[in-house]
Amino acid sequence: MRIPCPFCGERDLQEYSFLGEAGLKRPDPAAHDAQKQFHDYVHIRENKAGTTKELWHHTYGCRSWIAVERNTLTHEIFSSEFASVTLKELAK
């Protein structure tokens, strides 16, 4: 799979590290059920088939965090942008 970096251009998957779903919100540690919320936050993922938005780190390139929208079945990539742009949109 080749991932288009907004800074470096298209690069091989081996240059990247995968973080997971974009937009996951860290639980409040002061919540009454914080332990369960953190368990789910760390271990429970949708892992849906189809189009998802994911966070990737260009570890062996420009070291930027990138949000990639791709199809998990075909690995077709629809878009990529710096993660700061995506995270700002998701926070609204």
PDB file of N, CA and C in Angstrom:
ATOM      1  N   MET A   1       0.852  -1.168   0.000  1.00  0.00           N
ATOM      2  CA  MET A   1       0.000   0.000   0.000  1.00  0.00           C
ATOM      3  C   MET A   1       0.904   1.238   0.000  1.00  0.00           C
ATOM      4  N   ARG A   2       0.494   2.244  -0.747  1.00  0.00           N
ATOM      5  CA  ARG A   2       1.231   3.509  -0.811  1.00  0.00           C
ATOM      6  C   ARG A   2       0.345   4.608  -0.248  1.00  0.00           C
ATOM      7  N   ILE A   3       0.900   5.375   0.679  1.00  0.00           N
ATOM      8  CA  ILE A   3       0.142   6.413   1.370  1.00  0.00           C
ATOM      9  C   ILE A   3       0.658   7.779   0.925  1.00  0.00           C
ATOM     10  N   PRO A   4      -0.252   8.660   0.473  1.00  0.00           N
ATOM     11  CA  PRO A   4       0.189   9.992   0.067  1.00  0.00           C
ATOM     12  C   PRO A   4       0.365  10.916   1.271  1.00  0.00           C
ATOM     13  N   CYS A   5       1.581  11.330   1.520  1.00  0.00           N
ATOM     14  CA  CYS A   5       1.885  12.284   2.586  1.00  0.00           C
ATOM     15  C   CYS A   5       1.678  13.693   2.024  1.00  0.00           C
ATOM     16  N   PRO A   6       0.962  14.559   2.730  1.00  0.00           N
ATOM     17  CA  PRO A   6       0.750  15.916   2.216  1.00  0.00           C
ATOM     18  C   PRO A   6       2.051  16.712   2.067  1.00  0.00           C
ATOM     19  N   PHE A   7       3.097  16.329   2.788  1.00  0.00           N
ATOM     20  CA  PHE A   7       4.370  17.035   2.715  1.00  0.00           C
ATOM     21  C   PHE A   7       5.342  16.357   1.753  1.00  0.00           C
ATOM     22  N   CYS A   8       5.478  15.033   1.846  1.00  0.00           N
ATOM     23  CA  CYS A   8       6.505  14.293   1.099  1.00  0.00           C
ATOM     24  C   CYS A   8       6.020  13.682  -0.212  1.00  0.00           C
ATOM     25  N   GLY A   9       4.715  13.580  -0.397  1.00  0.00           N
ATOM     26  CA  GLY A   9       4.184  12.891  -1.563  1.00  0.00           C
ATOM     27  C   GLY A   9       3.918  11.426  -1.234  1.00  0.00           C
ATOM     28  N   GLU A  10       3.633  10.648  -2.253  1.00  0.00           N
ATOM     29  CA  GLU A  10       3.281   9.232  -2.058  1.00  0.00           C
ATOM     30  C   GLU A  10       4.490   8.431  -1.597  1.00  0.00           C
ATOM     31  N   ARG A  11       4.291   7.641  -0.521  1.00  0.00           N
ATOM     32  CA  ARG A  11       5.370   6.841   0.045  1.00  0.00           C
ATOM     33  C   ARG A  11       4.855   5.443   0.389  1.00  0.00           C
ATOM     34  N   ASP A  12       5.790   4.508   0.511  1.00  0.00           N
ATOM     35  CA  ASP A  12       5.460   3.126   0.837  1.00  0.00           C
ATOM     36  C   ASP A  12       4.974   3.003   2.278  1.00  0.00           C
ATOM     37  N   LEU A  13       4.103   2.061   2.515  1.00  0.00           N
ATOM     38  CA  LEU A  13       3.540   1.787   3.839  1.00  0.00           C
ATOM     39  C   LEU A  13       4.612   1.577   4.902  1.00  0.00           C
ATOM     40  N   GLN A  14       5.751   1.017   4.525  1.00  0.00           N
ATOM     41  CA  GLN A  14       6.811   0.712   5.484  1.00  0.00           C
ATOM     42  C   GLN A  14       7.378   1.961   6.172  1.00  0.00           C
ATOM     43  N   GLU A  15       7.135   3.145   5.616  1.00  0.00           N
ATOM     44  CA  GLU A  15       7.622   4.379   6.231  1.00  0.00           C
ATOM     45  C   GLU A  15       6.706   4.868   7.357  1.00  0.00           C
ATOM     46  N   TYR A  16       5.552   4.233   7.530  1.00  0.00           N
ATOM     47  CA  TYR A  16       4.529   4.718   8.447  1.00  0.00           C
ATOM     48  C   TYR A  16       4.309   3.785   9.636  1.00  0.00           C
ATOM     49  N   SER A  17       3.784   4.375  10.712  1.00  0.00           N
ATOM     50  CA  SER A  17       3.300   3.611  11.869  1.00  0.00           C
ATOM     51  C   SER A  17       1.817   3.914  12.004  1.00  0.00           C
ATOM     52  N   PHE A  18       1.030   2.880  12.262  1.00  0.00           N
ATOM     53  CA  PHE A  18      -0.422   3.011  12.355  1.00  0.00           C
ATOM     54  C   PHE A  18      -0.828   3.267  13.798  1.00  0.00           C
ATOM     55  N   LEU A  19      -1.685   4.268  14.030  1.00  0.00           N
ATOM     56  CA  LEU A  19      -2.187   4.528  15.377  1.00  0.00           C
ATOM     57  C   LEU A  19      -3.575   3.941  15.565  1.00  0.00           C
ATOM     58  N   GLY A  20      -4.479   4.185  14.652  1.00  0.00           N
ATOM     59  CA  GLY A  20      -5.847   3.682  14.782  1.00  0.00           C
ATOM     60  C   GLY A  20      -6.850   4.686  14.267  1.00  0.00           C
ATOM     61  N   GLU A  21      -8.075   4.527  14.711  1.00  0.00           N
ATOM     62  CA  GLU A  21      -9.168   5.391  14.281  1.00  0.00           C
ATOM     63  C   GLU A  21      -8.887   6.851  14.619  1.00  0.00           C
ATOM     64  N   ALA A  22      -9.205   7.722  13.702  1.00  0.00           N
ATOM     65  CA  ALA A  22      -9.128   9.156  13.983  1.00  0.00           C
ATOM     66  C   ALA A  22     -10.401   9.556  14.717  1.00  0.00           C
ATOM     67  N   GLY A  23     -10.258  10.460  15.650  1.00  0.00           N
ATOM     68  CA  GLY A  23     -11.434  10.995  16.318  1.00  0.00           C
ATOM     69  C   GLY A  23     -11.828  10.338  17.616  1.00  0.00           C
ATOM     70  N   LEU A  24     -11.066   9.354  18.069  1.00  0.00           N
ATOM     71  CA  LEU A  24     -11.385   8.771  19.374  1.00  0.00           C
ATOM     72  C   LEU A  24     -11.092   9.798  20.451  1.00  0.00           C
ATOM     73  N   LYS A  25     -12.001   9.955  21.384  1.00  0.00           N
ATOM     74  CA  LYS A  25     -11.808  10.929  22.458  1.00  0.00           C
ATOM     75  C   LYS A  25     -11.387  10.227  23.735  1.00  0.00           C
ATOM     76  N   ARG A  26     -10.343  10.748  24.338  1.00  0.00           N
ATOM     77  CA  ARG A  26      -9.823  10.166  25.577  1.00  0.00           C
ATOM     78  C   ARG A  26     -10.851  10.361  26.690  1.00  0.00           C
ATOM     79  N   PRO A  27     -11.138   9.315  27.460  1.00  0.00           N
ATOM     80  CA  PRO A  27     -12.121   9.425  28.541  1.00  0.00           C
ATOM     81  C   PRO A  27     -11.652  10.354  29.658  1.00  0.00           C
ATOM     82  N   ASP A  28     -12.613  10.834  30.414  1.00  0.00           N
ATOM     83  CA  ASP A  28     -12.338  11.687  31.562  1.00  0.00           C
ATOM     84  C   ASP A  28     -11.873  10.801  32.720  1.00  0.00           C
ATOM     85  N   PRO A  29     -10.646  10.988  33.226  1.00  0.00           N
ATOM     86  CA  PRO A  29     -10.160  10.135  34.314  1.00  0.00           C
ATOM     87  C   PRO A  29     -10.913  10.335  35.624  1.00  0.00           C
ATOM     88  N   ALA A  30     -11.666  11.413  35.737  1.00  0.00           N
ATOM     89  CA  ALA A  30     -12.433  11.667  36.963  1.00  0.00           C
ATOM     90  C   ALA A  30     -13.841  11.077  36.913  1.00  0.00           C
ATOM     91  N   ALA A  31     -14.222  10.485  35.807  1.00  0.00           N
ATOM     92  CA  ALA A  31     -15.567   9.906  35.681  1.00  0.00           C
ATOM     93  C   ALA A  31     -15.722   8.724  36.636  1.00  0.00           C
ATOM     94  N   HIS A  32     -16.957   8.483  37.061  1.00  0.00           N
ATOM     95  CA  HIS A  32     -17.205   7.398  38.018  1.00  0.00           C
ATOM     96  C   HIS A  32     -16.866   6.025  37.436  1.00  0.00           C
ATOM     97  N   ASP A  33     -16.989   5.866  36.124  1.00  0.00           N
ATOM     98  CA  ASP A  33     -16.668   4.587  35.477  1.00  0.00           C
ATOM     99  C   ASP A  33     -15.413   4.720  34.604  1.00  0.00           C
ATOM    100  N   ALA A  34     -14.451   5.498  35.067  1.00  0.00           N
ATOM    101  CA  ALA A  34     -13.241   5.788  34.281  1.00  0.00           C
ATOM    102  C   ALA A  34     -12.476   4.519  33.896  1.00  0.00           C
ATOM    103  N   GLN A  35     -12.397   3.556  34.793  1.00  0.00           N
ATOM    104  CA  GLN A  35     -11.630   2.342  34.499  1.00  0.00           C
ATOM    105  C   GLN A  35     -12.228   1.602  33.304  1.00  0.00           C
ATOM    106  N   LYS A  36     -13.549   1.461  33.283  1.00  0.00           N
ATOM    107  CA  LYS A  36     -14.208   0.787  32.162  1.00  0.00           C
ATOM    108  C   LYS A  36     -14.052   1.609  30.878  1.00  0.00           C
ATOM    109  N   GLN A  37     -14.212   2.932  30.995  1.00  0.00           N
ATOM    110  CA  GLN A  37     -14.065   3.790  29.819  1.00  0.00           C
ATOM    111  C   GLN A  37     -12.665   3.694  29.225  1.00  0.00           C
ATOM    112  N   PHE A  38     -11.633   3.676  30.077  1.00  0.00           N
ATOM    113  CA  PHE A  38     -10.262   3.562  29.575  1.00  0.00           C
ATOM    114  C   PHE A  38     -10.006   2.178  28.976  1.00  0.00           C
ATOM    115  N   HIS A  39     -10.573   1.152  29.578  1.00  0.00           N
ATOM    116  CA  HIS A  39     -10.445  -0.192  29.004  1.00  0.00           C
ATOM    117  C   HIS A  39     -11.000  -0.204  27.586  1.00  0.00           C
ATOM    118  N   ASP A  40     -12.212   0.323  27.425  1.00  0.00           N
ATOM    119  CA  ASP A  40     -12.840   0.345  26.107  1.00  0.00           C
ATOM    120  C   ASP A  40     -12.059   1.231  25.133  1.00  0.00           C
ATOM    121  N   TYR A  41     -11.563   2.358  25.614  1.00  0.00           N
ATOM    122  CA  TYR A  41     -10.796   3.292  24.785  1.00  0.00           C
ATOM    123  C   TYR A  41      -9.526   2.631  24.232  1.00  0.00           C
ATOM    124  N   VAL A  42      -8.876   1.831  25.051  1.00  0.00           N
ATOM    125  CA  VAL A  42      -7.622   1.200  24.653  1.00  0.00           C
ATOM    126  C   VAL A  42      -7.845  -0.085  23.847  1.00  0.00           C
ATOM    127  N   HIS A  43      -8.836  -0.893  24.241  1.00  0.00           N
ATOM    128  CA  HIS A  43      -8.952  -2.241  23.682  1.00  0.00           C
ATOM    129  C   HIS A  43     -10.119  -2.484  22.729  1.00  0.00           C
ATOM    130  N   ILE A  44     -11.183  -1.726  22.829  1.00  0.00           N
ATOM    131  CA  ILE A  44     -12.373  -2.007  22.022  1.00  0.00           C
ATOM    132  C   ILE A  44     -12.410  -1.071  20.823  1.00  0.00           C
ATOM    133  N   ARG A  45     -12.388  -1.641  19.652  1.00  0.00           N
ATOM    134  CA  ARG A  45     -12.430  -0.873  18.408  1.00  0.00           C
ATOM    135  C   ARG A  45     -13.531  -1.429  17.520  1.00  0.00           C
ATOM    136  N   GLU A  46     -14.086  -0.539  16.689  1.00  0.00           N
ATOM    137  CA  GLU A  46     -15.132  -0.972  15.753  1.00  0.00           C
ATOM    138  C   GLU A  46     -14.584  -1.957  14.732  1.00  0.00           C
ATOM    139  N   ASN A  47     -13.412  -1.648  14.180  1.00  0.00           N
ATOM    140  CA  ASN A  47     -12.786  -2.496  13.163  1.00  0.00           C
ATOM    141  C   ASN A  47     -13.747  -2.804  12.025  1.00  0.00           C
ATOM    142  N   LYS A  48     -14.458  -1.766  11.581  1.00  0.00           N
ATOM    143  CA  LYS A  48     -15.465  -1.974  10.549  1.00  0.00           C
ATOM    144  C   LYS A  48     -14.843  -2.141   9.170  1.00  0.00           C
ATOM    145  N   ALA A  49     -15.525  -2.882   8.346  1.00  0.00           N
ATOM    146  CA  ALA A  49     -15.107  -3.055   6.966  1.00  0.00           C
ATOM    147  C   ALA A  49     -15.685  -1.904   6.158  1.00  0.00           C
ATOM    148  N   GLY A  50     -14.862  -1.314   5.329  1.00  0.00           N
ATOM    149  CA  GLY A  50     -15.330  -0.205   4.506  1.00  0.00           C
ATOM    150  C   GLY A  50     -14.496   1.038   4.740  1.00  0.00           C
ATOM    151  N   THR A  51     -15.092   2.194   4.491  1.00  0.00           N
ATOM    152  CA  THR A  51     -14.382   3.458   4.574  1.00  0.00           C
ATOM    153  C   THR A  51     -14.209   3.908   6.020  1.00  0.00           C
ATOM    154  N   THR A  52     -12.968   4.226   6.383  1.00  0.00           N
ATOM    155  CA  THR A  52     -12.650   4.710   7.729  1.00  0.00           C
ATOM    156  C   THR A  52     -11.663   5.861   7.622  1.00  0.00           C
ATOM    157  N   LYS A  53     -11.551   6.603   8.699  1.00  0.00           N
ATOM    158  CA  LYS A  53     -10.539   7.653   8.803  1.00  0.00           C
ATOM    159  C   LYS A  53      -9.569   7.209   9.890  1.00  0.00           C
ATOM    160  N   GLU A  54      -8.295   7.157   9.557  1.00  0.00           N
ATOM    161  CA  GLU A  54      -7.285   6.607  10.460  1.00  0.00           C
ATOM    162  C   GLU A  54      -6.125   7.590  10.635  1.00  0.00           C
ATOM    163  N   LEU A  55      -5.412   7.429  11.738  1.00  0.00           N
ATOM    164  CA  LEU A  55      -4.220   8.233  11.992  1.00  0.00           C
ATOM    165  C   LEU A  55      -2.969   7.404  11.714  1.00  0.00           C
ATOM    166  N   TRP A  56      -2.061   7.986  10.954  1.00  0.00           N
ATOM    167  CA  TRP A  56      -0.792   7.360  10.609  1.00  0.00           C
ATOM    168  C   TRP A  56       0.328   8.345  10.924  1.00  0.00           C
ATOM    169  N   HIS A  57       1.466   7.825  11.375  1.00  0.00           N
ATOM    170  CA  HIS A  57       2.633   8.654  11.645  1.00  0.00           C
ATOM    171  C   HIS A  57       3.680   8.357  10.587  1.00  0.00           C
ATOM    172  N   HIS A  58       4.161   9.392   9.923  1.00  0.00           N
ATOM    173  CA  HIS A  58       5.184   9.202   8.889  1.00  0.00           C
ATOM    174  C   HIS A  58       6.548   9.094   9.574  1.00  0.00           C
ATOM    175  N   THR A  59       6.749   7.971  10.231  1.00  0.00           N
ATOM    176  CA  THR A  59       7.889   7.721  11.105  1.00  0.00           C
ATOM    177  C   THR A  59       9.225   7.860  10.391  1.00  0.00           C
ATOM    178  N   TYR A  60       9.353   7.297   9.210  1.00  0.00           N
ATOM    179  CA  TYR A  60      10.622   7.314   8.484  1.00  0.00           C
ATOM    180  C   TYR A  60      10.604   8.322   7.346  1.00  0.00           C
ATOM    181  N   GLY A  61       9.840   9.392   7.553  1.00  0.00           N
ATOM    182  CA  GLY A  61       9.770  10.474   6.576  1.00  0.00           C
ATOM    183  C   GLY A  61       9.809  11.797   7.311  1.00  0.00           C
ATOM    184  N   CYS A  62       8.803  12.621   7.106  1.00  0.00           N
ATOM    185  CA  CYS A  62       8.768  13.957   7.696  1.00  0.00           C
ATOM    186  C   CYS A  62       8.310  13.955   9.151  1.00  0.00           C
ATOM    187  N   ARG A  63       7.913  12.792   9.680  1.00  0.00           N
ATOM    188  CA  ARG A  63       7.495  12.613  11.073  1.00  0.00           C
ATOM    189  C   ARG A  63       6.190  13.334  11.401  1.00  0.00           C
ATOM    190  N   SER A  64       5.374  13.599  10.389  1.00  0.00           N
ATOM    191  CA  SER A  64       4.076  14.238  10.584  1.00  0.00           C
ATOM    192  C   SER A  64       3.012  13.201  10.892  1.00  0.00           C
ATOM    193  N   TRP A  65       1.980  13.617  11.643  1.00  0.00           N
ATOM    194  CA  TRP A  65       0.797  12.793  11.840  1.00  0.00           C
ATOM    195  C   TRP A  65      -0.163  13.101  10.705  1.00  0.00           C
ATOM    196  N   ILE A  66      -0.682  12.050  10.069  1.00  0.00           N
ATOM    197  CA  ILE A  66      -1.519  12.195   8.883  1.00  0.00           C
ATOM    198  C   ILE A  66      -2.832  11.448   9.106  1.00  0.00           C
ATOM    199  N   ALA A  67      -3.928  12.093   8.733  1.00  0.00           N
ATOM    200  CA  ALA A  67      -5.243  11.451   8.760  1.00  0.00           C
ATOM    201  C   ALA A  67      -5.515  10.933   7.353  1.00  0.00           C
ATOM    202  N   VAL A  68      -5.764   9.638   7.258  1.00  0.00           N
ATOM    203  CA  VAL A  68      -5.974   8.991   5.963  1.00  0.00           C
ATOM    204  C   VAL A  68      -7.378   8.401   5.935  1.00  0.00           C
ATOM    205  N   GLU A  69      -8.114   8.734   4.889  1.00  0.00           N
ATOM    206  CA  GLU A  69      -9.431   8.121   4.682  1.00  0.00           C
ATOM    207  C   GLU A  69      -9.237   7.029   3.642  1.00  0.00           C
ATOM    208  N   ARG A  70      -9.554   5.786   4.051  1.00  0.00           N
ATOM    209  CA  ARG A  70      -9.330   4.663   3.133  1.00  0.00           C
ATOM    210  C   ARG A  70     -10.384   3.581   3.328  1.00  0.00           C
ATOM    211  N   ASN A  71     -10.472   2.719   2.348  1.00  0.00           N
ATOM    212  CA  ASN A  71     -11.354   1.573   2.408  1.00  0.00           C
ATOM    213  C   ASN A  71     -10.545   0.403   2.961  1.00  0.00           C
ATOM    214  N   THR A  72     -10.989  -0.168   4.084  1.00  0.00           N
ATOM    215  CA  THR A  72     -10.231  -1.246   4.720  1.00  0.00           C
ATOM    216  C   THR A  72     -10.325  -2.566   3.958  1.00  0.00           C
ATOM    217  N   LEU A  73     -11.262  -2.676   3.048  1.00  0.00           N
ATOM    218  CA  LEU A  73     -11.381  -3.907   2.250  1.00  0.00           C
ATOM    219  C   LEU A  73     -10.460  -3.886   1.036  1.00  0.00           C
ATOM    220  N   THR A  74     -10.397  -2.743   0.361  1.00  0.00           N
ATOM    221  CA  THR A  74      -9.619  -2.657  -0.881  1.00  0.00           C
ATOM    222  C   THR A  74      -8.306  -1.911  -0.704  1.00  0.00           C
ATOM    223  N   HIS A  75      -8.128  -1.235   0.428  1.00  0.00           N
ATOM    224  CA  HIS A  75      -6.964  -0.390   0.725  1.00  0.00           C
ATOM    225  C   HIS A  75      -6.882   0.829  -0.185  1.00  0.00           C
ATOM    226  N   GLU A  76      -7.976   1.132  -0.887  1.00  0.00           N
ATOM    227  CA  GLU A  76      -8.023   2.346  -1.705  1.00  0.00           C
ATOM    228  C   GLU A  76      -8.005   3.564  -0.779  1.00  0.00           C
ATOM    229  N   ILE A  77      -7.154   4.517  -1.085  1.00  0.00           N
ATOM    230  CA  ILE A  77      -7.048   5.727  -0.276  1.00  0.00           C
ATOM    231  C   ILE A  77      -7.775   6.854  -0.997  1.00  0.00           C
ATOM    232  N   PHE A  78      -8.711   7.490  -0.263  1.00  0.00           N
ATOM    233  CA  PHE A  78      -9.519   8.558  -0.833  1.00  0.00           C
ATOM    234  C   PHE A  78      -8.921   9.931  -0.552  1.00  0.00           C
ATOM    235  N   SER A  79      -8.317  10.105   0.623  1.00  0.00           N
ATOM    236  CA  SER A  79      -7.733  11.401   0.959  1.00  0.00           C
ATOM    237  C   SER A  79      -6.714  11.234   2.077  1.00  0.00           C
ATOM    238  N   SER A  80      -5.824  12.212   2.173  1.00  0.00           N
ATOM    239  CA  SER A  80      -4.898  12.283   3.303  1.00  0.00           C
ATOM    240  C   SER A  80      -4.622  13.758   3.557  1.00  0.00           C
ATOM    241  N   GLU A  81      -4.503  14.092   4.832  1.00  0.00           N
ATOM    242  CA  GLU A  81      -4.215  15.467   5.227  1.00  0.00           C
ATOM    243  C   GLU A  81      -3.501  15.438   6.564  1.00  0.00           C
ATOM    244  N   PHE A  82      -2.885  16.557   6.918  1.00  0.00           N
ATOM    245  CA  PHE A  82      -2.245  16.616   8.218  1.00  0.00           C
ATOM    246  C   PHE A  82      -3.299  16.390   9.286  1.00  0.00           C
ATOM    247  N   ALA A  83      -2.986  15.598  10.290  1.00  0.00           N
ATOM    248  CA  ALA A  83      -3.952  15.209  11.310  1.00  0.00           C
ATOM    249  C   ALA A  83      -4.489  16.408  12.082  1.00  0.00           C
ATOM    250  N   SER A  84      -3.710  17.463  12.225  1.00  0.00           N
ATOM    251  CA  SER A  84      -4.186  18.635  12.972  1.00  0.00           C
ATOM    252  C   SER A  84      -5.447  19.205  12.337  1.00  0.00           C
ATOM    253  N   VAL A  85      -5.561  19.158  11.028  1.00  0.00           N
ATOM    254  CA  VAL A  85      -6.753  19.641  10.324  1.00  0.00           C
ATOM    255  C   VAL A  85      -7.942  18.767  10.663  1.00  0.00           C
ATOM    256  N   THR A  86      -7.774  17.462  10.592  1.00  0.00           N
ATOM    257  CA  THR A  86      -8.851  16.514  10.888  1.00  0.00           C
ATOM    258  C   THR A  86      -9.281  16.590  12.340  1.00  0.00           C
ATOM    259  N   LEU A  87      -8.345  16.652  13.251  1.00  0.00           N
ATOM    260  CA  LEU A  87      -8.689  16.670  14.668  1.00  0.00           C
ATOM    261  C   LEU A  87      -9.438  17.939  15.038  1.00  0.00           C
ATOM    262  N   LYS A  88      -9.121  19.058  14.409  1.00  0.00           N
ATOM    263  CA  LYS A  88      -9.866  20.298  14.652  1.00  0.00           C
ATOM    264  C   LYS A  88     -11.309  20.147  14.182  1.00  0.00           C
ATOM    265  N   GLU A  89     -11.502  19.522  13.021  1.00  0.00           N
ATOM    266  CA  GLU A  89     -12.854  19.311  12.479  1.00  0.00           C
ATOM    267  C   GLU A  89     -13.647  18.387  13.398  1.00  0.00           C
ATOM    268  N   LEU A  90     -13.027  17.329  13.889  1.00  0.00           N
ATOM    269  CA  LEU A  90     -13.724  16.360  14.733  1.00  0.00           C
ATOM    270  C   LEU A  90     -14.071  16.940  16.107  1.00  0.00           C
ATOM    271  N   ALA A  91     -13.316  17.920  16.558  1.00  0.00           N
ATOM    272  CA  ALA A  91     -13.554  18.520  17.872  1.00  0.00           C
ATOM    273  C   ALA A  91     -14.760  19.448  17.876  1.00  0.00           C
ATOM    274  N   LYS A  92     -15.231  19.852  16.696  1.00  0.00           N
ATOM    275  CA  LYS A  92     -16.378  20.769  16.615  1.00  0.00           C
ATOM    276  C   LYS A  92     -17.657  20.119  17.061  1.00  0.00           C
TER     277      LYS A  92
END
